[in-house]
């Protein structure tokens, strides 16, 4: 396992994630568990589009994630913090603006990063990876949860502009999490995305769009998936270094 957990970037989907969404719960947990030793990042370093969920700027909260019930293993060694990408317009998304906001957020932060993206945020991340491959090494792990199928026939016109969905392999450790009854993306389509992105697929049963209505609460299993990705990546690096000695 890595000695330090990277900074966690949360990217919601269309219309943002409300207070009972697992992304907001994760952010609240991080804020509630954080040590006060982390100061707020100077606003001079950040684009105006980057704000936390409360709108007061990114606070580099100590990432005391995972207790024994899911928030545990990282808490002893993680102080890198977390932040949420704040798009200028959550209700009328424009693909180039969303990718630009994510890129600005990434570039405003130091060190390694991990991402938890949901729905349209997954497609934004895939487009960012395609557009900025030179920065992909910054990403230690990414969880793409319930990617929105913006190519489906009944996709709302507000998000249809995110098509076509990039199908290039993701250049960083990642995993897709999908539900077998997601109304916005069929399981075969989620399998299609995971196959082309060349990442594993985790299937939840009866979890819908894996959002606030899914009844996941704090969703510790999702945090465990992130930790597993970090651990696998660290193990691969260690194995590679051993072979190169």
C-alpha atoms as a PDB file:
ATOM      1  CA  UNK A   1       0.000   0.000   0.000  1.00  0.00           C
ATOM      2  CA  UNK A   2       1.200   3.550  -0.633  1.00  0.00           C
ATOM      3  CA  UNK A   3       2.647   5.462   2.306  1.00  0.00           C
ATOM      4  CA  UNK A   4       0.468   8.481   1.578  1.00  0.00           C
ATOM      5  CA  UNK A   5      -2.889   8.596  -0.134  1.00  0.00           C
ATOM      6  CA  UNK A   6      -3.119  11.150  -2.966  1.00  0.00           C
ATOM      7  CA  UNK A   7      -5.412  14.159  -2.903  1.00  0.00           C
ATOM      8  CA  UNK A   8      -8.973  13.120  -3.766  1.00  0.00           C
ATOM      9  CA  UNK A   9     -10.807  15.077  -6.474  1.00  0.00           C
ATOM     10  CA  UNK A  10     -14.574  14.578  -6.555  1.00  0.00           C
ATOM     11  CA  UNK A  11     -16.323  15.256  -9.858  1.00  0.00           C
ATOM     12  CA  UNK A  12     -20.136  15.038  -9.804  1.00  0.00           C
ATOM     13  CA  UNK A  13     -22.344  14.579 -12.827  1.00  0.00           C
ATOM     14  CA  UNK A  14     -25.090  16.655 -14.419  1.00  0.00           C
ATOM     15  CA  UNK A  15     -26.878  18.914 -11.885  1.00  0.00           C
ATOM     16  CA  UNK A  16     -24.169  18.283  -9.239  1.00  0.00           C
ATOM     17  CA  UNK A  17     -24.479  15.878  -6.283  1.00  0.00           C
ATOM     18  CA  UNK A  18     -26.862  16.798  -3.476  1.00  0.00           C
ATOM     19  CA  UNK A  19     -26.141  16.506   0.265  1.00  0.00           C
ATOM     20  CA  UNK A  20     -27.267  12.870   0.562  1.00  0.00           C
ATOM     21  CA  UNK A  21     -25.302  11.664  -2.470  1.00  0.00           C
ATOM     22  CA  UNK A  22     -22.347   9.404  -1.618  1.00  0.00           C
ATOM     23  CA  UNK A  23     -19.956  11.966  -3.138  1.00  0.00           C
ATOM     24  CA  UNK A  24     -21.236  14.659  -0.781  1.00  0.00           C
ATOM     25  CA  UNK A  25     -21.171  12.216   2.113  1.00  0.00           C
ATOM     26  CA  UNK A  26     -17.547  11.383   1.353  1.00  0.00           C
ATOM     27  CA  UNK A  27     -16.717  15.072   1.287  1.00  0.00           C
ATOM     28  CA  UNK A  28     -18.575  15.665   4.551  1.00  0.00           C
ATOM     29  CA  UNK A  29     -16.738  12.747   6.157  1.00  0.00           C
ATOM     30  CA  UNK A  30     -13.411  14.159   5.063  1.00  0.00           C
ATOM     31  CA  UNK A  31     -14.302  17.592   6.378  1.00  0.00           C
ATOM     32  CA  UNK A  32     -15.637  16.185   9.660  1.00  0.00           C
ATOM     33  CA  UNK A  33     -12.616  13.978  10.243  1.00  0.00           C
ATOM     34  CA  UNK A  34     -10.035  16.497   9.096  1.00  0.00           C
ATOM     35  CA  UNK A  35      -7.330  17.867  11.300  1.00  0.00           C
ATOM     36  CA  UNK A  36      -7.186  21.645  11.461  1.00  0.00           C
ATOM     37  CA  UNK A  37      -3.498  21.520  10.556  1.00  0.00           C
ATOM     38  CA  UNK A  38      -4.396  21.817   6.889  1.00  0.00           C
ATOM     39  CA  UNK A  39      -4.898  25.418   5.805  1.00  0.00           C
ATOM     40  CA  UNK A  40      -7.110  26.579   2.978  1.00  0.00           C
ATOM     41  CA  UNK A  41      -5.306  26.779  -0.340  1.00  0.00           C
ATOM     42  CA  UNK A  42      -4.639  30.385  -1.198  1.00  0.00           C
ATOM     43  CA  UNK A  43      -7.323  31.683  -3.521  1.00  0.00           C
ATOM     44  CA  UNK A  44      -4.577  33.298  -5.572  1.00  0.00           C
ATOM     45  CA  UNK A  45      -3.477  29.835  -6.689  1.00  0.00           C
ATOM     46  CA  UNK A  46      -6.898  28.670  -7.799  1.00  0.00           C
ATOM     47  CA  UNK A  47      -9.166  29.506 -10.734  1.00  0.00           C
ATOM     48  CA  UNK A  48     -12.489  30.979  -9.662  1.00  0.00           C
ATOM     49  CA  UNK A  49     -14.254  27.849 -10.902  1.00  0.00           C
ATOM     50  CA  UNK A  50     -12.710  25.751  -8.141  1.00  0.00           C
ATOM     51  CA  UNK A  51     -14.741  25.799  -4.966  1.00  0.00           C
ATOM     52  CA  UNK A  52     -15.698  23.237  -2.376  1.00  0.00           C
ATOM     53  CA  UNK A  53     -19.320  22.130  -1.864  1.00  0.00           C
ATOM     54  CA  UNK A  54     -19.949  25.015   0.524  1.00  0.00           C
ATOM     55  CA  UNK A  55     -18.649  27.504  -2.029  1.00  0.00           C
ATOM     56  CA  UNK A  56     -15.885  28.831   0.218  1.00  0.00           C
ATOM     57  CA  UNK A  57     -12.844  27.550  -1.632  1.00  0.00           C
ATOM     58  CA  UNK A  58     -10.927  24.291  -1.479  1.00  0.00           C
ATOM     59  CA  UNK A  59      -9.892  23.326   2.009  1.00  0.00           C
ATOM     60  CA  UNK A  60      -7.137  20.749   2.015  1.00  0.00           C
ATOM     61  CA  UNK A  61      -8.811  18.585   4.575  1.00  0.00           C
ATOM     62  CA  UNK A  62      -6.787  15.852   6.162  1.00  0.00           C
ATOM     63  CA  UNK A  63      -8.059  12.804   4.368  1.00  0.00           C
ATOM     64  CA  UNK A  64      -8.937  10.706   7.366  1.00  0.00           C
ATOM     65  CA  UNK A  65     -10.979   8.353   5.194  1.00  0.00           C
ATOM     66  CA  UNK A  66     -11.714   4.779   5.855  1.00  0.00           C
ATOM     67  CA  UNK A  67     -12.488   3.684   9.443  1.00  0.00           C
ATOM     68  CA  UNK A  68     -12.670  -0.044  10.200  1.00  0.00           C
ATOM     69  CA  UNK A  69     -16.113  -0.026   8.561  1.00  0.00           C
ATOM     70  CA  UNK A  70     -14.688   1.476   5.394  1.00  0.00           C
ATOM     71  CA  UNK A  71     -12.953   4.650   6.555  1.00  0.00           C
ATOM     72  CA  UNK A  72      -9.974   2.956   8.201  1.00  0.00           C
ATOM     73  CA  UNK A  73      -6.840   2.014   6.399  1.00  0.00           C
ATOM     74  CA  UNK A  74      -6.165   5.387   4.825  1.00  0.00           C
ATOM     75  CA  UNK A  75      -6.779   7.426   7.963  1.00  0.00           C
ATOM     76  CA  UNK A  76      -3.466   6.572   9.608  1.00  0.00           C
ATOM     77  CA  UNK A  77      -1.362   7.772   6.731  1.00  0.00           C
ATOM     78  CA  UNK A  78      -3.365  10.225   4.673  1.00  0.00           C
ATOM     79  CA  UNK A  79      -3.183  13.994   4.935  1.00  0.00           C
ATOM     80  CA  UNK A  80      -3.290  15.016   1.280  1.00  0.00           C
ATOM     81  CA  UNK A  81      -6.857  16.363   1.345  1.00  0.00           C
ATOM     82  CA  UNK A  82      -9.871  16.408  -0.923  1.00  0.00           C
ATOM     83  CA  UNK A  83     -11.725  18.868  -3.127  1.00  0.00           C
ATOM     84  CA  UNK A  84     -14.671  19.020  -5.493  1.00  0.00           C
ATOM     85  CA  UNK A  85     -14.603  20.338  -9.034  1.00  0.00           C
ATOM     86  CA  UNK A  86     -17.182  23.121  -9.282  1.00  0.00           C
ATOM     87  CA  UNK A  87     -18.470  23.609 -12.784  1.00  0.00           C
ATOM     88  CA  UNK A  88     -19.733  27.042 -13.790  1.00  0.00           C
ATOM     89  CA  UNK A  89     -23.059  25.635 -14.982  1.00  0.00           C
ATOM     90  CA  UNK A  90     -24.219  22.284 -13.605  1.00  0.00           C
ATOM     91  CA  UNK A  91     -27.586  22.416 -15.378  1.00  0.00           C
ATOM     92  CA  UNK A  92     -26.502  23.377 -18.896  1.00  0.00           C
ATOM     93  CA  UNK A  93     -23.155  21.599 -19.257  1.00  0.00           C
ATOM     94  CA  UNK A  94     -20.832  22.316 -22.150  1.00  0.00           C
ATOM     95  CA  UNK A  95     -18.185  19.717 -22.799  1.00  0.00           C
ATOM     96  CA  UNK A  96     -15.199  21.968 -23.456  1.00  0.00           C
ATOM     97  CA  UNK A  97     -15.977  24.085 -20.388  1.00  0.00           C
ATOM     98  CA  UNK A  98     -16.306  21.026 -18.164  1.00  0.00           C
ATOM     99  CA  UNK A  99     -13.032  19.529 -19.387  1.00  0.00           C
ATOM    100  CA  UNK A 100     -11.316  22.897 -18.951  1.00  0.00           C
ATOM    101  CA  UNK A 101     -12.603  23.211 -15.370  1.00  0.00           C
ATOM    102  CA  UNK A 102     -11.365  19.732 -14.505  1.00  0.00           C
ATOM    103  CA  UNK A 103      -7.979  20.484 -16.060  1.00  0.00           C
ATOM    104  CA  UNK A 104      -7.676  23.759 -14.153  1.00  0.00           C
ATOM    105  CA  UNK A 105      -8.526  21.924 -10.946  1.00  0.00           C
ATOM    106  CA  UNK A 106      -5.883  19.261 -11.581  1.00  0.00           C
ATOM    107  CA  UNK A 107      -3.222  21.828 -12.436  1.00  0.00           C
ATOM    108  CA  UNK A 108      -3.980  23.904  -9.332  1.00  0.00           C
ATOM    109  CA  UNK A 109      -3.047  21.018  -7.052  1.00  0.00           C
ATOM    110  CA  UNK A 110       0.371  19.608  -6.240  1.00  0.00           C
ATOM    111  CA  UNK A 111       1.429  15.986  -6.102  1.00  0.00           C
ATOM    112  CA  UNK A 112      -0.397  12.782  -7.004  1.00  0.00           C
ATOM    113  CA  UNK A 113      -4.178  12.730  -7.310  1.00  0.00           C
ATOM    114  CA  UNK A 114      -7.063  10.287  -7.293  1.00  0.00           C
ATOM    115  CA  UNK A 115     -10.542  10.889  -8.670  1.00  0.00           C
ATOM    116  CA  UNK A 116     -14.065   9.803  -7.841  1.00  0.00           C
ATOM    117  CA  UNK A 117     -16.266  10.678 -10.819  1.00  0.00           C
ATOM    118  CA  UNK A 118     -19.991  10.080 -11.204  1.00  0.00           C
ATOM    119  CA  UNK A 119     -22.236   9.931 -14.278  1.00  0.00           C
ATOM    120  CA  UNK A 120     -21.394  12.804 -16.645  1.00  0.00           C
ATOM    121  CA  UNK A 121     -18.267  13.380 -14.566  1.00  0.00           C
ATOM    122  CA  UNK A 122     -16.977  10.018 -15.860  1.00  0.00           C
ATOM    123  CA  UNK A 123     -17.332  11.131 -19.461  1.00  0.00           C
ATOM    124  CA  UNK A 124     -15.635  14.414 -18.581  1.00  0.00           C
ATOM    125  CA  UNK A 125     -12.722  12.509 -17.059  1.00  0.00           C
ATOM    126  CA  UNK A 126     -12.420  10.262 -20.126  1.00  0.00           C
ATOM    127  CA  UNK A 127     -12.328  13.324 -22.364  1.00  0.00           C
ATOM    128  CA  UNK A 128      -9.740  14.973 -20.119  1.00  0.00           C
ATOM    129  CA  UNK A 129      -7.546  11.875 -20.326  1.00  0.00           C
ATOM    130  CA  UNK A 130      -7.837  11.916 -24.120  1.00  0.00           C
ATOM    131  CA  UNK A 131      -7.072  15.633 -24.352  1.00  0.00           C
ATOM    132  CA  UNK A 132      -4.292  15.844 -21.751  1.00  0.00           C
ATOM    133  CA  UNK A 133      -2.415  12.504 -21.807  1.00  0.00           C
ATOM    134  CA  UNK A 134       0.789  14.282 -20.771  1.00  0.00           C
ATOM    135  CA  UNK A 135      -0.720  14.868 -17.329  1.00  0.00           C
ATOM    136  CA  UNK A 136      -2.134  11.364 -16.833  1.00  0.00           C
ATOM    137  CA  UNK A 137       0.789  10.340 -14.636  1.00  0.00           C
ATOM    138  CA  UNK A 138      -0.602  12.682 -11.962  1.00  0.00           C
ATOM    139  CA  UNK A 139      -3.555  10.330 -11.504  1.00  0.00           C
ATOM    140  CA  UNK A 140      -2.815   7.470  -9.116  1.00  0.00           C
ATOM    141  CA  UNK A 141      -6.322   6.001  -9.268  1.00  0.00           C
ATOM    142  CA  UNK A 142      -9.777   6.843 -10.598  1.00  0.00           C
ATOM    143  CA  UNK A 143     -13.197   5.429  -9.826  1.00  0.00           C
ATOM    144  CA  UNK A 144     -15.735   6.006 -12.620  1.00  0.00           C
ATOM    145  CA  UNK A 145     -19.169   5.379 -11.137  1.00  0.00           C
ATOM    146  CA  UNK A 146     -22.315   4.980 -13.264  1.00  0.00           C
ATOM    147  CA  UNK A 147     -20.952   6.560 -16.455  1.00  0.00           C
ATOM    148  CA  UNK A 148     -23.743   8.357 -18.282  1.00  0.00           C
ATOM    149  CA  UNK A 149     -24.522   6.997 -21.736  1.00  0.00           C
ATOM    150  CA  UNK A 150     -24.790  10.323 -23.528  1.00  0.00           C
ATOM    151  CA  UNK A 151     -25.120   8.470 -26.844  1.00  0.00           C
ATOM    152  CA  UNK A 152     -28.382   6.733 -25.987  1.00  0.00           C
ATOM    153  CA  UNK A 153     -31.435   7.655 -28.024  1.00  0.00           C
ATOM    154  CA  UNK A 154     -33.294   9.261 -25.129  1.00  0.00           C
ATOM    155  CA  UNK A 155     -30.342  11.194 -23.693  1.00  0.00           C
ATOM    156  CA  UNK A 156     -31.445  14.677 -22.555  1.00  0.00           C
ATOM    157  CA  UNK A 157     -30.383  17.368 -24.990  1.00  0.00           C
ATOM    158  CA  UNK A 158     -28.477  19.097 -22.167  1.00  0.00           C
ATOM    159  CA  UNK A 159     -25.889  16.296 -22.108  1.00  0.00           C
ATOM    160  CA  UNK A 160     -26.030  15.003 -25.684  1.00  0.00           C
ATOM    161  CA  UNK A 161     -23.187  17.356 -26.620  1.00  0.00           C
ATOM    162  CA  UNK A 162     -20.771  15.150 -24.641  1.00  0.00           C
ATOM    163  CA  UNK A 163     -21.023  12.525 -27.398  1.00  0.00           C
ATOM    164  CA  UNK A 164     -19.132  10.755 -28.771  1.00  0.00           C
ATOM    165  CA  UNK A 165     -17.831   9.017 -25.689  1.00  0.00           C
ATOM    166  CA  UNK A 166     -14.027   8.586 -25.849  1.00  0.00           C
ATOM    167  CA  UNK A 167     -13.077   4.920 -26.035  1.00  0.00           C
ATOM    168  CA  UNK A 168      -9.302   5.186 -25.749  1.00  0.00           C
ATOM    169  CA  UNK A 169      -7.669   3.149 -22.943  1.00  0.00           C
ATOM    170  CA  UNK A 170      -7.444   5.193 -19.772  1.00  0.00           C
ATOM    171  CA  UNK A 171      -3.775   5.993 -19.069  1.00  0.00           C
ATOM    172  CA  UNK A 172      -4.025   5.550 -15.285  1.00  0.00           C
ATOM    173  CA  UNK A 173      -5.268   2.878 -12.844  1.00  0.00           C
ATOM    174  CA  UNK A 174      -9.055   2.970 -12.843  1.00  0.00           C
ATOM    175  CA  UNK A 175     -12.232   0.957 -12.448  1.00  0.00           C
ATOM    176  CA  UNK A 176     -15.827   1.342 -13.599  1.00  0.00           C
ATOM    177  CA  UNK A 177     -18.682   0.738 -11.170  1.00  0.00           C
ATOM    178  CA  UNK A 178     -22.083   0.110 -12.753  1.00  0.00           C
ATOM    179  CA  UNK A 179     -25.507  -1.113 -11.715  1.00  0.00           C
ATOM    180  CA  UNK A 180     -27.531  -3.747 -13.518  1.00  0.00           C
ATOM    181  CA  UNK A 181     -30.612  -1.492 -13.482  1.00  0.00           C
ATOM    182  CA  UNK A 182     -29.162   1.955 -14.201  1.00  0.00           C
ATOM    183  CA  UNK A 183     -31.865   3.851 -16.155  1.00  0.00           C
ATOM    184  CA  UNK A 184     -29.233   6.053 -17.811  1.00  0.00           C
ATOM    185  CA  UNK A 185     -26.793   3.375 -18.956  1.00  0.00           C
ATOM    186  CA  UNK A 186     -27.468  -0.294 -19.659  1.00  0.00           C
ATOM    187  CA  UNK A 187     -25.082  -2.870 -18.238  1.00  0.00           C
ATOM    188  CA  UNK A 188     -23.926  -3.946 -21.731  1.00  0.00           C
ATOM    189  CA  UNK A 189     -22.969  -0.335 -22.438  1.00  0.00           C
ATOM    190  CA  UNK A 190     -21.074  -0.093 -19.147  1.00  0.00           C
ATOM    191  CA  UNK A 191     -19.242  -3.283 -20.082  1.00  0.00           C
ATOM    192  CA  UNK A 192     -18.480  -1.729 -23.467  1.00  0.00           C
ATOM    193  CA  UNK A 193     -16.944   1.348 -21.842  1.00  0.00           C
ATOM    194  CA  UNK A 194     -14.882  -0.692 -19.368  1.00  0.00           C
ATOM    195  CA  UNK A 195     -13.642  -2.964 -22.137  1.00  0.00           C
ATOM    196  CA  UNK A 196     -12.426  -0.078 -24.307  1.00  0.00           C
ATOM    197  CA  UNK A 197     -11.061   1.903 -21.378  1.00  0.00           C
ATOM    198  CA  UNK A 198      -9.263  -1.343 -20.423  1.00  0.00           C
ATOM    199  CA  UNK A 199     -10.292  -1.221 -16.778  1.00  0.00           C
ATOM    200  CA  UNK A 200     -12.132  -3.683 -14.512  1.00  0.00           C
ATOM    201  CA  UNK A 201     -15.887  -3.455 -14.075  1.00  0.00           C
ATOM    202  CA  UNK A 202     -17.631  -3.824 -10.724  1.00  0.00           C
ATOM    203  CA  UNK A 203     -21.362  -4.536 -10.971  1.00  0.00           C
ATOM    204  CA  UNK A 204     -23.826  -3.562  -8.245  1.00  0.00           C
ATOM    205  CA  UNK A 205     -27.254  -5.161  -8.195  1.00  0.00           C
ATOM    206  CA  UNK A 206     -30.348  -2.998  -8.032  1.00  0.00           C
ATOM    207  CA  UNK A 207     -28.419   0.218  -7.306  1.00  0.00           C
ATOM    208  CA  UNK A 208     -29.989   2.320 -10.063  1.00  0.00           C
ATOM    209  CA  UNK A 209     -27.821   5.261 -11.056  1.00  0.00           C
ATOM    210  CA  UNK A 210     -25.662   4.758  -7.934  1.00  0.00           C
ATOM    211  CA  UNK A 211     -26.753   8.087  -6.523  1.00  0.00           C
ATOM    212  CA  UNK A 212     -28.626   9.410  -3.498  1.00  0.00           C
ATOM    213  CA  UNK A 213     -31.692   7.319  -4.383  1.00  0.00           C
ATOM    214  CA  UNK A 214     -29.619   4.115  -4.295  1.00  0.00           C
ATOM    215  CA  UNK A 215     -29.548   3.970  -0.499  1.00  0.00           C
ATOM    216  CA  UNK A 216     -25.781   3.513  -0.278  1.00  0.00           C
ATOM    217  CA  UNK A 217     -25.255   5.926   2.597  1.00  0.00           C
ATOM    218  CA  UNK A 218     -21.543   6.664   2.983  1.00  0.00           C
ATOM    219  CA  UNK A 219     -20.791   3.815   0.555  1.00  0.00           C
ATOM    220  CA  UNK A 220     -17.671   2.472   2.291  1.00  0.00           C
ATOM    221  CA  UNK A 221     -17.380  -0.239  -0.363  1.00  0.00           C
ATOM    222  CA  UNK A 222     -16.673   2.455  -2.949  1.00  0.00           C
ATOM    223  CA  UNK A 223     -13.885   3.893  -0.818  1.00  0.00           C
ATOM    224  CA  UNK A 224     -12.479   0.402  -0.466  1.00  0.00           C
ATOM    225  CA  UNK A 225     -12.412   0.102  -4.259  1.00  0.00           C
ATOM    226  CA  UNK A 226     -10.324   3.284  -4.412  1.00  0.00           C
ATOM    227  CA  UNK A 227      -7.942   1.954  -1.805  1.00  0.00           C
ATOM    228  CA  UNK A 228      -7.640  -1.336  -3.691  1.00  0.00           C
ATOM    229  CA  UNK A 229      -6.761   0.551  -6.873  1.00  0.00           C
ATOM    230  CA  UNK A 230      -4.059   2.474  -5.021  1.00  0.00           C
ATOM    231  CA  UNK A 231      -2.713  -0.715  -3.503  1.00  0.00           C
ATOM    232  CA  UNK A 232      -2.621  -2.531  -6.847  1.00  0.00           C
ATOM    233  CA  UNK A 233      -0.828   0.397  -8.475  1.00  0.00           C
ATOM    234  CA  UNK A 234       1.727   0.564  -5.652  1.00  0.00           C
ATOM    235  CA  UNK A 235       2.327  -3.175  -5.903  1.00  0.00           C
ATOM    236  CA  UNK A 236       2.906  -2.944  -9.658  1.00  0.00           C
ATOM    237  CA  UNK A 237       5.387  -0.103  -9.169  1.00  0.00           C
ATOM    238  CA  UNK A 238       7.222  -2.041  -6.483  1.00  0.00           C
ATOM    239  CA  UNK A 239       7.381  -5.142  -8.671  1.00  0.00           C
ATOM    240  CA  UNK A 240       8.673  -3.103 -11.599  1.00  0.00           C
ATOM    241  CA  UNK A 241      11.360  -1.495  -9.445  1.00  0.00           C
ATOM    242  CA  UNK A 242      12.458  -4.899  -8.159  1.00  0.00           C
ATOM    243  CA  UNK A 243      12.816  -6.219 -11.692  1.00  0.00           C
ATOM    244  CA  UNK A 244      14.838  -3.181 -12.723  1.00  0.00           C
ATOM    245  CA  UNK A 245      17.399  -3.536  -9.961  1.00  0.00           C
END
